[in-house]
């Protein structure tokens, strides 16, 4: 009994496997995707490295994480940036392509290799953003065998730019800006209103509070008036000299003046 049913069962299993493979081949014929890498075939990774100048090595699906801290990344397409596609469907290694032109907010042209057929180079072919939020998280890519965009919606990690990464927005907001050192201003001439330097901030002059009378340089000057007794004595002496001189000239008048 067991031997009678062995061949029919094997035949059914082979038929199922063949049918599944046929459906996968038919699906790929319309979806598009990276070609099967074989020895001597040009792959997408070295071609993207040459066309973008971004020196990352390894499988395409590792580029996005490898770029962290080395290259700037984002979700906005730019000329020369690398479009990093995640593994999906018949692609286990992902795909990378270089942006050659930005057509509009949802359409770009890319240059890449090993997509429509193994090792084939395609230049300036269409990739369209089909993400619900218009954030380039899903794309459809031109597939030469059907002369149109492939039907598959390929998940996108983002764009890698050939530039140094900037500080994370969250980290940057936590960094307190350091104040710039103040610089002095030199005027062109006394009374000029136009400084030759650049004023960065107002710096109040240093002041020292001194109580009045404690600093000799700040004390009020004393009055320079002669004492009253000394002035009277000088005047009396002058009067005596005048009287003596008059007496010598007019002795009769002096006697008469003395009588009164």
Protein backbone atom coordinates (compact mmCIF):
# COMPACT_ATOMS: atom_id res chain seq x y z
CA UNK A 1 0.00 0.00 0.00
CA UNK A 2 2.75 2.34 0.92
CA UNK A 3 4.57 1.81 -2.39
CA UNK A 4 1.46 2.43 -4.49
CA UNK A 5 0.98 5.98 -3.16
CA UNK A 6 4.62 7.13 -3.08
CA UNK A 7 4.86 8.30 -6.71
CA UNK A 8 1.53 10.22 -6.76
CA UNK A 9 2.49 12.12 -3.58
CA UNK A 10 5.91 13.10 -4.94
CA UNK A 11 4.30 14.20 -8.19
CA UNK A 12 1.83 16.44 -6.33
CA UNK A 13 4.61 18.04 -4.26
CA UNK A 14 6.68 18.76 -7.36
CA UNK A 15 3.66 20.28 -9.05
CA UNK A 16 3.04 22.60 -6.07
CA UNK A 17 6.65 23.68 -5.97
CA UNK A 18 6.67 24.34 -9.68
CA UNK A 19 3.46 26.37 -9.42
CA UNK A 20 4.84 28.51 -6.59
CA UNK A 21 8.01 29.21 -8.54
CA UNK A 22 5.96 30.15 -11.58
CA UNK A 23 3.86 32.58 -9.53
CA UNK A 24 7.03 34.14 -8.06
CA UNK A 25 8.54 34.55 -11.53
CA UNK A 26 5.34 36.07 -12.87
CA UNK A 27 5.15 38.48 -9.94
CA UNK A 28 8.76 39.60 -10.41
CA UNK A 29 8.08 40.21 -14.09
CA UNK A 30 5.88 43.17 -13.13
CA UNK A 31 7.25 44.24 -9.75
CA UNK A 32 10.86 44.72 -10.78
CA UNK A 33 13.75 44.59 -8.36
CA UNK A 34 17.44 43.89 -8.00
CA UNK A 35 18.86 41.26 -10.30
CA UNK A 36 20.31 38.05 -8.93
CA UNK A 37 23.97 38.66 -8.17
CA UNK A 38 26.27 36.22 -9.91
CA UNK A 39 30.02 36.04 -10.33
CA UNK A 40 31.28 38.73 -12.68
CA UNK A 41 27.98 40.66 -12.65
CA UNK A 42 28.05 44.38 -11.86
CA UNK A 43 26.17 44.93 -8.61
CA UNK A 44 24.38 48.03 -7.35
CA UNK A 45 26.75 48.67 -4.43
CA UNK A 46 30.07 49.37 -6.23
CA UNK A 47 28.22 51.30 -8.94
CA UNK A 48 26.45 53.53 -6.38
CA UNK A 49 29.76 54.07 -4.58
CA UNK A 50 31.38 55.26 -7.82
CA UNK A 51 28.53 57.52 -8.94
CA UNK A 52 27.85 59.14 -5.54
CA UNK A 53 31.31 59.34 -4.02
CA UNK A 54 29.94 57.86 -0.79
CA UNK A 55 32.48 55.31 0.35
CA UNK A 56 30.46 52.65 2.16
CA UNK A 57 31.07 48.96 1.67
CA UNK A 58 28.93 45.91 2.32
CA UNK A 59 25.46 44.82 1.25
CA UNK A 60 23.00 47.52 0.22
CA UNK A 61 20.71 46.96 3.22
CA UNK A 62 23.59 47.86 5.59
CA UNK A 63 24.35 51.25 4.03
CA UNK A 64 21.77 53.22 6.00
CA UNK A 65 23.09 52.15 9.40
CA UNK A 66 26.71 52.38 8.30
CA UNK A 67 26.17 55.99 7.22
CA UNK A 68 25.16 57.05 10.74
CA UNK A 69 27.81 59.36 12.15
CA UNK A 70 29.78 59.40 8.88
CA UNK A 71 27.40 60.93 6.35
CA UNK A 72 24.34 63.15 6.62
CA UNK A 73 21.01 61.36 6.21
CA UNK A 74 17.46 62.48 5.58
CA UNK A 75 14.14 61.94 3.84
CA UNK A 76 14.45 64.63 1.16
CA UNK A 77 15.95 63.68 -2.23
CA UNK A 78 18.96 65.65 -3.45
CA UNK A 79 21.14 65.31 -6.52
CA UNK A 80 24.05 63.00 -5.75
CA UNK A 81 22.37 61.40 -2.73
CA UNK A 82 21.99 57.63 -2.43
CA UNK A 83 18.48 56.21 -2.29
CA UNK A 84 18.65 53.30 0.18
CA UNK A 85 15.95 50.68 -0.43
CA UNK A 86 15.24 48.10 2.25
CA UNK A 87 14.97 44.34 1.57
CA UNK A 88 11.51 43.44 0.27
CA UNK A 89 9.87 40.68 -1.73
CA UNK A 90 12.41 38.93 -3.90
CA UNK A 91 15.24 41.19 -2.66
CA UNK A 92 17.02 39.97 0.45
CA UNK A 93 19.95 42.38 0.26
CA UNK A 94 18.22 45.66 -0.50
CA UNK A 95 19.27 48.12 -3.20
CA UNK A 96 21.08 51.46 -3.55
CA UNK A 97 20.79 54.00 -6.36
CA UNK A 98 22.15 57.51 -6.97
CA UNK A 99 19.77 60.46 -7.44
CA UNK A 100 20.61 62.18 -10.74
CA UNK A 101 17.73 64.67 -10.87
CA UNK A 102 14.84 65.93 -8.74
CA UNK A 103 11.81 66.39 -11.00
CA UNK A 104 9.22 67.41 -8.43
CA UNK A 105 8.15 66.72 -4.84
CA UNK A 106 7.28 63.10 -5.64
CA UNK A 107 9.40 62.23 -8.67
CA UNK A 108 13.14 61.78 -9.11
CA UNK A 109 15.47 60.28 -11.69
CA UNK A 110 18.00 57.72 -10.52
CA UNK A 111 21.07 56.05 -11.96
CA UNK A 112 21.74 52.50 -10.80
CA UNK A 113 22.84 49.02 -11.78
CA UNK A 114 21.53 45.46 -11.52
CA UNK A 115 17.82 46.25 -11.39
CA UNK A 116 15.92 45.52 -14.61
CA UNK A 117 18.34 42.74 -15.54
CA UNK A 118 21.53 41.32 -13.98
CA UNK A 119 24.44 43.74 -14.31
CA UNK A 120 22.52 46.25 -16.46
CA UNK A 121 23.26 49.95 -15.94
CA UNK A 122 20.28 52.31 -16.17
CA UNK A 123 20.72 56.07 -16.18
CA UNK A 124 18.10 58.73 -15.40
CA UNK A 125 15.18 56.36 -14.89
CA UNK A 126 12.11 57.26 -12.84
CA UNK A 127 11.49 56.56 -9.17
CA UNK A 128 8.23 57.84 -7.70
CA UNK A 129 7.22 58.45 -4.11
CA UNK A 130 4.04 56.47 -3.39
CA UNK A 131 4.05 56.75 0.41
CA UNK A 132 0.74 57.77 2.04
CA UNK A 133 2.43 60.64 3.92
CA UNK A 134 4.51 61.85 0.96
CA UNK A 135 7.69 61.22 2.97
CA UNK A 136 9.58 59.00 0.51
CA UNK A 137 9.19 55.93 2.70
CA UNK A 138 7.86 53.91 -0.29
CA UNK A 139 8.77 54.11 -3.98
CA UNK A 140 7.96 52.54 -7.31
CA UNK A 141 10.91 52.18 -9.66
CA UNK A 142 11.13 52.08 -13.45
CA UNK A 143 11.28 48.48 -14.75
CA UNK A 144 12.56 48.19 -18.31
CA UNK A 145 10.96 44.81 -19.27
CA UNK A 146 7.47 46.31 -18.98
CA UNK A 147 8.43 49.83 -20.05
CA UNK A 148 6.80 51.34 -16.97
CA UNK A 149 7.07 51.67 -13.21
CA UNK A 150 7.15 48.35 -11.43
CA UNK A 151 4.07 47.48 -9.43
CA UNK A 152 5.94 46.81 -6.16
CA UNK A 153 6.06 49.46 -3.45
CA UNK A 154 9.63 49.29 -2.21
CA UNK A 155 10.27 50.39 1.41
CA UNK A 156 12.90 53.12 1.66
CA UNK A 157 15.24 53.75 4.60
CA UNK A 158 16.03 57.25 3.37
CA UNK A 159 18.63 59.28 1.48
CA UNK A 160 22.34 59.33 2.27
CA UNK A 161 24.06 62.61 1.41
CA UNK A 162 27.72 63.06 0.54
CA UNK A 163 28.22 65.50 3.41
CA UNK A 164 29.22 65.46 7.05
CA UNK A 165 26.40 64.73 9.50
CA UNK A 166 24.93 67.58 11.48
CA UNK A 167 24.15 67.47 15.21
CA UNK A 168 20.90 65.80 16.10
CA UNK A 169 18.11 68.36 16.52
CA UNK A 170 17.24 67.06 19.99
CA UNK A 171 20.86 67.20 21.12
CA UNK A 172 21.42 70.63 19.64
CA UNK A 173 18.47 72.08 21.54
CA UNK A 174 19.97 70.91 24.83
CA UNK A 175 23.32 72.62 24.22
CA UNK A 176 23.48 76.09 25.76
CA UNK A 177 25.11 78.62 23.48
CA UNK A 178 28.34 80.05 24.86
CA UNK A 179 28.41 83.88 25.07
CA UNK A 180 30.83 85.60 22.74
CA UNK A 181 33.63 87.61 24.41
CA UNK A 182 33.00 91.33 24.37
CA UNK A 183 35.24 93.42 22.18
CA UNK A 184 36.25 97.04 22.67
CA UNK A 185 35.24 99.77 20.26
CA UNK A 186 37.72 102.30 18.90
CA UNK A 187 36.24 105.47 17.49
CA UNK A 188 37.73 107.02 14.37
CA UNK A 189 38.05 110.39 16.09
CA UNK A 190 36.61 112.15 19.14
CA UNK A 191 32.93 112.77 18.65
CA UNK A 192 32.61 110.28 15.80
CA UNK A 193 29.38 108.29 15.86
CA UNK A 194 30.65 105.49 13.68
CA UNK A 195 32.81 102.87 15.42
CA UNK A 196 35.55 101.05 13.53
CA UNK A 197 35.06 97.86 15.52
CA UNK A 198 32.01 95.66 16.02
CA UNK A 199 29.94 96.00 19.18
CA UNK A 200 28.88 92.60 20.41
CA UNK A 201 27.40 93.63 23.72
CA UNK A 202 27.40 96.60 26.09
CA UNK A 203 29.99 96.38 28.84
CA UNK A 204 29.43 98.72 31.79
CA UNK A 205 32.60 100.48 33.00
CA UNK A 206 33.98 99.45 36.35
CA UNK A 207 33.18 101.95 39.14
CA UNK A 208 34.48 102.29 42.70
CA UNK A 209 32.31 103.83 45.37
CA UNK A 210 34.26 106.17 47.71
CA UNK A 211 32.66 107.93 50.61
CA UNK A 212 33.08 111.69 50.39
CA UNK A 213 36.00 112.91 52.47
CA UNK A 214 37.82 109.56 52.65
CA UNK A 215 39.72 110.12 49.43
CA UNK A 216 41.89 113.29 49.50
CA UNK A 217 41.51 113.69 45.76
CA UNK A 218 37.74 113.93 46.19
CA UNK A 219 37.74 116.27 49.22
CA UNK A 220 36.46 119.85 48.76
CA UNK A 221 39.25 122.46 48.66
CA UNK A 222 39.60 124.68 51.76
CA UNK A 223 38.89 128.47 51.61
CA UNK A 224 42.03 130.61 51.45
CA UNK A 225 41.02 133.71 53.54
CA UNK A 226 43.28 135.58 55.97
CA UNK A 227 42.38 135.49 59.62
CA UNK A 228 40.56 138.65 60.81
CA UNK A 229 43.02 139.64 63.66
CA UNK A 230 45.99 139.72 61.33
CA UNK A 231 44.12 142.00 58.89
CA UNK A 232 43.19 144.43 61.66
CA UNK A 233 46.77 144.62 62.93
CA UNK A 234 48.07 145.42 59.45
CA UNK A 235 45.50 148.17 59.01
CA UNK A 236 46.33 149.71 62.41
CA UNK A 237 50.03 149.76 61.57
CA UNK A 238 49.29 151.52 58.29
CA UNK A 239 47.22 154.14 60.09
CA UNK A 240 50.05 154.76 62.58
CA UNK A 241 52.53 155.31 59.79
CA UNK A 242 50.19 157.81 58.13
CA UNK A 243 49.63 159.67 61.43
CA UNK A 244 53.37 159.87 62.10
CA UNK A 245 54.04 161.28 58.65
CA UNK A 246 51.29 163.93 59.02
CA UNK A 247 52.58 165.00 62.45
CA UNK A 248 56.02 165.53 61.06
CA UNK A 249 54.71 167.78 58.31
CA UNK A 250 52.22 169.84 60.41
CA UNK A 251 53.19 170.02 64.13
CA UNK A 252 50.72 172.89 64.86
CA UNK A 253 47.87 170.92 63.40
CA UNK A 254 48.86 167.88 65.45
CA UNK A 255 48.76 169.95 68.71
CA UNK A 256 45.35 171.32 67.87
CA UNK A 257 44.09 167.79 66.95
CA UNK A 258 45.37 166.46 70.24
CA UNK A 259 43.54 169.17 72.19
CA UNK A 260 40.21 167.96 70.85
